[in-house]
Amino acid sequence: MSRPSPAGVFEALGDPVRRAILQLVAGGERSAGTLVEEIRGHSPISQPAVSQHLRVLRDAGLVRVRSEANRRYYALDPEGFADAREWLAELVDPLARFAQPLDALATEVARGKRERRGTSTGTGTDRTDRTA
C-alpha cells in the first residue's frame, strides 16, 4: 500500500468533523460507536456520515483501525503524519534536506585536510623526496 500524499492529508483535515474525530482519537483508541456518540454530542450527524469521515481519515493515513469481534477500534496513525510534517518542514526550511549530505561533505573535507597535513610534516609514508 502506498503512502498517502500530503495533499490527501490536508484535504482530510479540511473538514471540522474529521478534525474533531482526530482530537478524540488523539486521546486514545476509541470504538466506532463511541466516536459516533461523542461526535453527535457536538453536532447532529448520522452514523453512516461518521463512518464516511473515518474512511476518509483512514485513506489519508491519519488513523488506523483494528477489529475485535464485531467492533472496530480507531487510533491515530503517527506514520500518517510524516509526509505532511516533512512537506511543511520544507516550506519553513527548504535547504534542510541537504543538511546531512553537507555534514558528510564537511567531514570528508576535514579528513582530507588532516591527511594532507600529516603528509606535509613528514609523518606520511607516501611522501617521496623530490630533491635531485
C-alpha atoms as a PDB file:
ATOM      1  CA  MET A   1       0.000   0.000   0.000  1.00  0.00           C
ATOM      2  CA  SER A   2       1.412   3.379  -0.971  1.00  0.00           C
ATOM      3  CA  ARG A   3       1.782   6.203   1.480  1.00  0.00           C
ATOM      4  CA  PRO A   4      -0.825   8.961   1.302  1.00  0.00           C
ATOM      5  CA  SER A   5       0.182  12.266  -0.205  1.00  0.00           C
ATOM      6  CA  PRO A   6       0.433  15.448   1.875  1.00  0.00           C
ATOM      7  CA  ALA A   7      -2.384  16.869  -0.258  1.00  0.00           C
ATOM      8  CA  GLY A   8      -4.653  13.994   0.815  1.00  0.00           C
ATOM      9  CA  VAL A   9      -3.793  14.604   4.443  1.00  0.00           C
ATOM     10  CA  PHE A  10      -4.618  18.291   4.185  1.00  0.00           C
ATOM     11  CA  GLU A  11      -7.857  17.560   2.322  1.00  0.00           C
ATOM     12  CA  ALA A  12      -8.853  15.194   5.123  1.00  0.00           C
ATOM     13  CA  LEU A  13      -8.011  17.849   7.717  1.00  0.00           C
ATOM     14  CA  GLY A  14     -10.161  20.389   5.889  1.00  0.00           C
ATOM     15  CA  ASP A  15     -13.385  19.155   7.482  1.00  0.00           C
ATOM     16  CA  PRO A  16     -14.215  20.185  11.071  1.00  0.00           C
ATOM     17  CA  VAL A  17     -15.878  16.832  11.860  1.00  0.00           C
ATOM     18  CA  ARG A  18     -12.728  14.954  10.816  1.00  0.00           C
ATOM     19  CA  ARG A  19     -10.572  17.279  12.912  1.00  0.00           C
ATOM     20  CA  ALA A  20     -12.859  16.604  15.888  1.00  0.00           C
ATOM     21  CA  ILE A  21     -12.524  12.851  15.325  1.00  0.00           C
ATOM     22  CA  LEU A  22      -8.734  13.195  15.264  1.00  0.00           C
ATOM     23  CA  GLN A  23      -8.797  15.116  18.531  1.00  0.00           C
ATOM     24  CA  LEU A  24     -10.859  12.360  20.101  1.00  0.00           C
ATOM     25  CA  VAL A  25      -8.605   9.526  18.949  1.00  0.00           C
ATOM     26  CA  ALA A  26      -5.520  11.540  19.914  1.00  0.00           C
ATOM     27  CA  GLY A  27      -6.632  10.890  23.488  1.00  0.00           C
ATOM     28  CA  GLY A  28      -6.579   7.149  22.908  1.00  0.00           C
ATOM     29  CA  GLU A  29      -8.137   4.384  20.874  1.00  0.00           C
ATOM     30  CA  ARG A  30     -11.921   4.564  20.545  1.00  0.00           C
ATOM     31  CA  SER A  31     -14.555   2.291  19.075  1.00  0.00           C
ATOM     32  CA  ALA A  32     -16.558   3.490  16.100  1.00  0.00           C
ATOM     33  CA  GLY A  33     -19.725   3.505  18.239  1.00  0.00           C
ATOM     34  CA  THR A  34     -18.081   5.658  20.901  1.00  0.00           C
ATOM     35  CA  LEU A  35     -16.858   8.080  18.246  1.00  0.00           C
ATOM     36  CA  VAL A  36     -20.368   8.367  16.804  1.00  0.00           C
ATOM     37  CA  GLU A  37     -21.791   9.140  20.249  1.00  0.00           C
ATOM     38  CA  GLU A  38     -19.093  11.694  21.046  1.00  0.00           C
ATOM     39  CA  ILE A  39     -19.396  13.466  17.680  1.00  0.00           C
ATOM     40  CA  ARG A  40     -23.207  13.528  17.961  1.00  0.00           C
ATOM     41  CA  GLY A  41     -22.744  15.382  21.242  1.00  0.00           C
ATOM     42  CA  HIS A  42     -21.281  18.282  19.260  1.00  0.00           C
ATOM     43  CA  SER A  43     -23.220  18.219  16.005  1.00  0.00           C
ATOM     44  CA  PRO A  44     -26.202  16.399  14.521  1.00  0.00           C
ATOM     45  CA  ILE A  45     -24.660  13.714  12.313  1.00  0.00           C
ATOM     46  CA  SER A  46     -25.674  10.214  11.318  1.00  0.00           C
ATOM     47  CA  GLN A  47     -23.693   7.058  11.995  1.00  0.00           C
ATOM     48  CA  PRO A  48     -23.094   6.490   8.249  1.00  0.00           C
ATOM     49  CA  ALA A  49     -21.720  10.034   7.941  1.00  0.00           C
ATOM     50  CA  VAL A  50     -19.269   9.422  10.804  1.00  0.00           C
ATOM     51  CA  SER A  51     -18.256   6.139   9.156  1.00  0.00           C
ATOM     52  CA  GLN A  52     -17.595   8.026   5.920  1.00  0.00           C
ATOM     53  CA  HIS A  53     -15.391  10.542   7.771  1.00  0.00           C
ATOM     54  CA  LEU A  54     -13.495   7.669   9.399  1.00  0.00           C
ATOM     55  CA  ARG A  55     -12.907   6.115   5.975  1.00  0.00           C
ATOM     56  CA  VAL A  56     -11.512   9.410   4.636  1.00  0.00           C
ATOM     57  CA  LEU A  57      -9.178   9.668   7.644  1.00  0.00           C
ATOM     58  CA  ARG A  58      -8.097   6.055   7.186  1.00  0.00           C
ATOM     59  CA  ASP A  59      -7.475   6.550   3.457  1.00  0.00           C
ATOM     60  CA  ALA A  60      -5.413   9.651   4.241  1.00  0.00           C
ATOM     61  CA  GLY A  61      -3.302   7.579   6.631  1.00  0.00           C
ATOM     62  CA  LEU A  62      -4.250   9.602   9.698  1.00  0.00           C
ATOM     63  CA  VAL A  63      -5.997   6.837  11.638  1.00  0.00           C
ATOM     64  CA  ARG A  64      -5.600   3.084  11.770  1.00  0.00           C
ATOM     65  CA  VAL A  65      -8.303   0.604  12.569  1.00  0.00           C
ATOM     66  CA  ARG A  66      -8.285  -2.768  14.247  1.00  0.00           C
ATOM     67  CA  SER A  67     -11.156  -5.201  14.516  1.00  0.00           C
ATOM     68  CA  GLU A  68     -12.083  -7.113  17.607  1.00  0.00           C
ATOM     69  CA  ALA A  69     -15.099  -9.392  17.286  1.00  0.00           C
ATOM     70  CA  ASN A  70     -17.736  -7.189  15.632  1.00  0.00           C
ATOM     71  CA  ARG A  71     -16.258  -3.866  16.826  1.00  0.00           C
ATOM     72  CA  ARG A  72     -13.832  -1.572  15.066  1.00  0.00           C
ATOM     73  CA  TYR A  73     -11.369   0.497  17.080  1.00  0.00           C
ATOM     74  CA  TYR A  74      -9.703   3.637  15.736  1.00  0.00           C
ATOM     75  CA  ALA A  75      -6.449   5.257  16.818  1.00  0.00           C
ATOM     76  CA  LEU A  76      -4.096   7.895  15.446  1.00  0.00           C
ATOM     77  CA  ASP A  77      -1.539   6.628  12.981  1.00  0.00           C
ATOM     78  CA  PRO A  78       1.610   8.678  13.678  1.00  0.00           C
ATOM     79  CA  GLU A  79       3.248   7.468  10.470  1.00  0.00           C
ATOM     80  CA  GLY A  80       0.428   9.060   8.513  1.00  0.00           C
ATOM     81  CA  PHE A  81       1.523  12.493   9.605  1.00  0.00           C
ATOM     82  CA  ALA A  82       5.146  12.027   8.492  1.00  0.00           C
ATOM     83  CA  ASP A  83       4.736  13.115   4.849  1.00  0.00           C
ATOM     84  CA  ALA A  84       2.692  16.169   5.796  1.00  0.00           C
ATOM     85  CA  ARG A  85       5.194  17.110   8.508  1.00  0.00           C
ATOM     86  CA  GLU A  86       8.061  16.714   6.016  1.00  0.00           C
ATOM     87  CA  TRP A  87       6.241  18.837   3.418  1.00  0.00           C
ATOM     88  CA  LEU A  88       5.577  21.597   5.963  1.00  0.00           C
ATOM     89  CA  ALA A  89       9.192  21.482   7.151  1.00  0.00           C
ATOM     90  CA  GLU A  90      10.392  22.031   3.579  1.00  0.00           C
ATOM     91  CA  LEU A  91       8.274  25.174   3.389  1.00  0.00           C
ATOM     92  CA  VAL A  92       9.907  26.532   6.537  1.00  0.00           C
ATOM     93  CA  ASP A  93      13.465  25.391   5.728  1.00  0.00           C
ATOM     94  CA  PRO A  94      13.826  24.355   2.060  1.00  0.00           C
ATOM     95  CA  LEU A  95      17.526  23.536   2.466  1.00  0.00           C
ATOM     96  CA  ALA A  96      17.074  21.191   5.442  1.00  0.00           C
ATOM     97  CA  ARG A  97      17.114  18.078   3.248  1.00  0.00           C
ATOM     98  CA  PHE A  98      20.672  18.944   2.201  1.00  0.00           C
ATOM     99  CA  ALA A  99      21.964  19.274   5.784  1.00  0.00           C
ATOM    100  CA  GLN A 100      23.082  15.657   6.252  1.00  0.00           C
ATOM    101  CA  PRO A 101      24.878  15.363   2.881  1.00  0.00           C
ATOM    102  CA  LEU A 102      26.602  18.692   3.571  1.00  0.00           C
ATOM    103  CA  ASP A 103      27.673  17.463   7.018  1.00  0.00           C
ATOM    104  CA  ALA A 104      29.150  14.377   5.379  1.00  0.00           C
ATOM    105  CA  LEU A 105      30.973  16.551   2.827  1.00  0.00           C
ATOM    106  CA  ALA A 106      32.391  18.739   5.620  1.00  0.00           C
ATOM    107  CA  THR A 107      33.658  15.611   7.389  1.00  0.00           C
ATOM    108  CA  GLU A 108      35.382  14.385   4.220  1.00  0.00           C
ATOM    109  CA  VAL A 109      36.960  17.803   3.578  1.00  0.00           C
ATOM    110  CA  ALA A 110      38.288  17.890   7.161  1.00  0.00           C
ATOM    111  CA  ARG A 111      39.644  14.336   6.783  1.00  0.00           C
ATOM    112  CA  GLY A 112      41.427  15.336   3.575  1.00  0.00           C
ATOM    113  CA  LYS A 113      42.983  18.371   5.272  1.00  0.00           C
ATOM    114  CA  ARG A 114      44.229  16.207   8.160  1.00  0.00           C
ATOM    115  CA  GLU A 115      45.731  13.707   5.736  1.00  0.00           C
ATOM    116  CA  ARG A 116      47.491  16.464   3.788  1.00  0.00           C
ATOM    117  CA  ARG A 117      48.868  17.984   7.000  1.00  0.00           C
ATOM    118  CA  GLY A 118      50.142  14.575   8.083  1.00  0.00           C
ATOM    119  CA  THR A 119      51.813  14.054   4.726  1.00  0.00           C
ATOM    120  CA  SER A 120      53.425  17.502   4.582  1.00  0.00           C
ATOM    121  CA  THR A 121      55.002  17.152   8.062  1.00  0.00           C
ATOM    122  CA  GLY A 122      56.818  14.009   7.075  1.00  0.00           C
ATOM    123  CA  THR A 123      54.650  11.615   9.042  1.00  0.00           C
ATOM    124  CA  GLY A 124      53.076  10.134   5.958  1.00  0.00           C
ATOM    125  CA  THR A 125      54.579   7.081   4.319  1.00  0.00           C
ATOM    126  CA  ASP A 126      53.586   8.027   0.772  1.00  0.00           C
ATOM    127  CA  ARG A 127      55.817  11.107   0.610  1.00  0.00           C
ATOM    128  CA  THR A 128      58.538  10.949  -1.968  1.00  0.00           C
ATOM    129  CA  ASP A 129      61.700  13.012  -1.748  1.00  0.00           C
ATOM    130  CA  ARG A 130      61.796  15.488  -4.615  1.00  0.00           C
ATOM    131  CA  THR A 131      65.369  16.648  -4.168  1.00  0.00           C
ATOM    132  CA  ALA A 132      67.608  15.899  -7.067  1.00  0.00           C
END
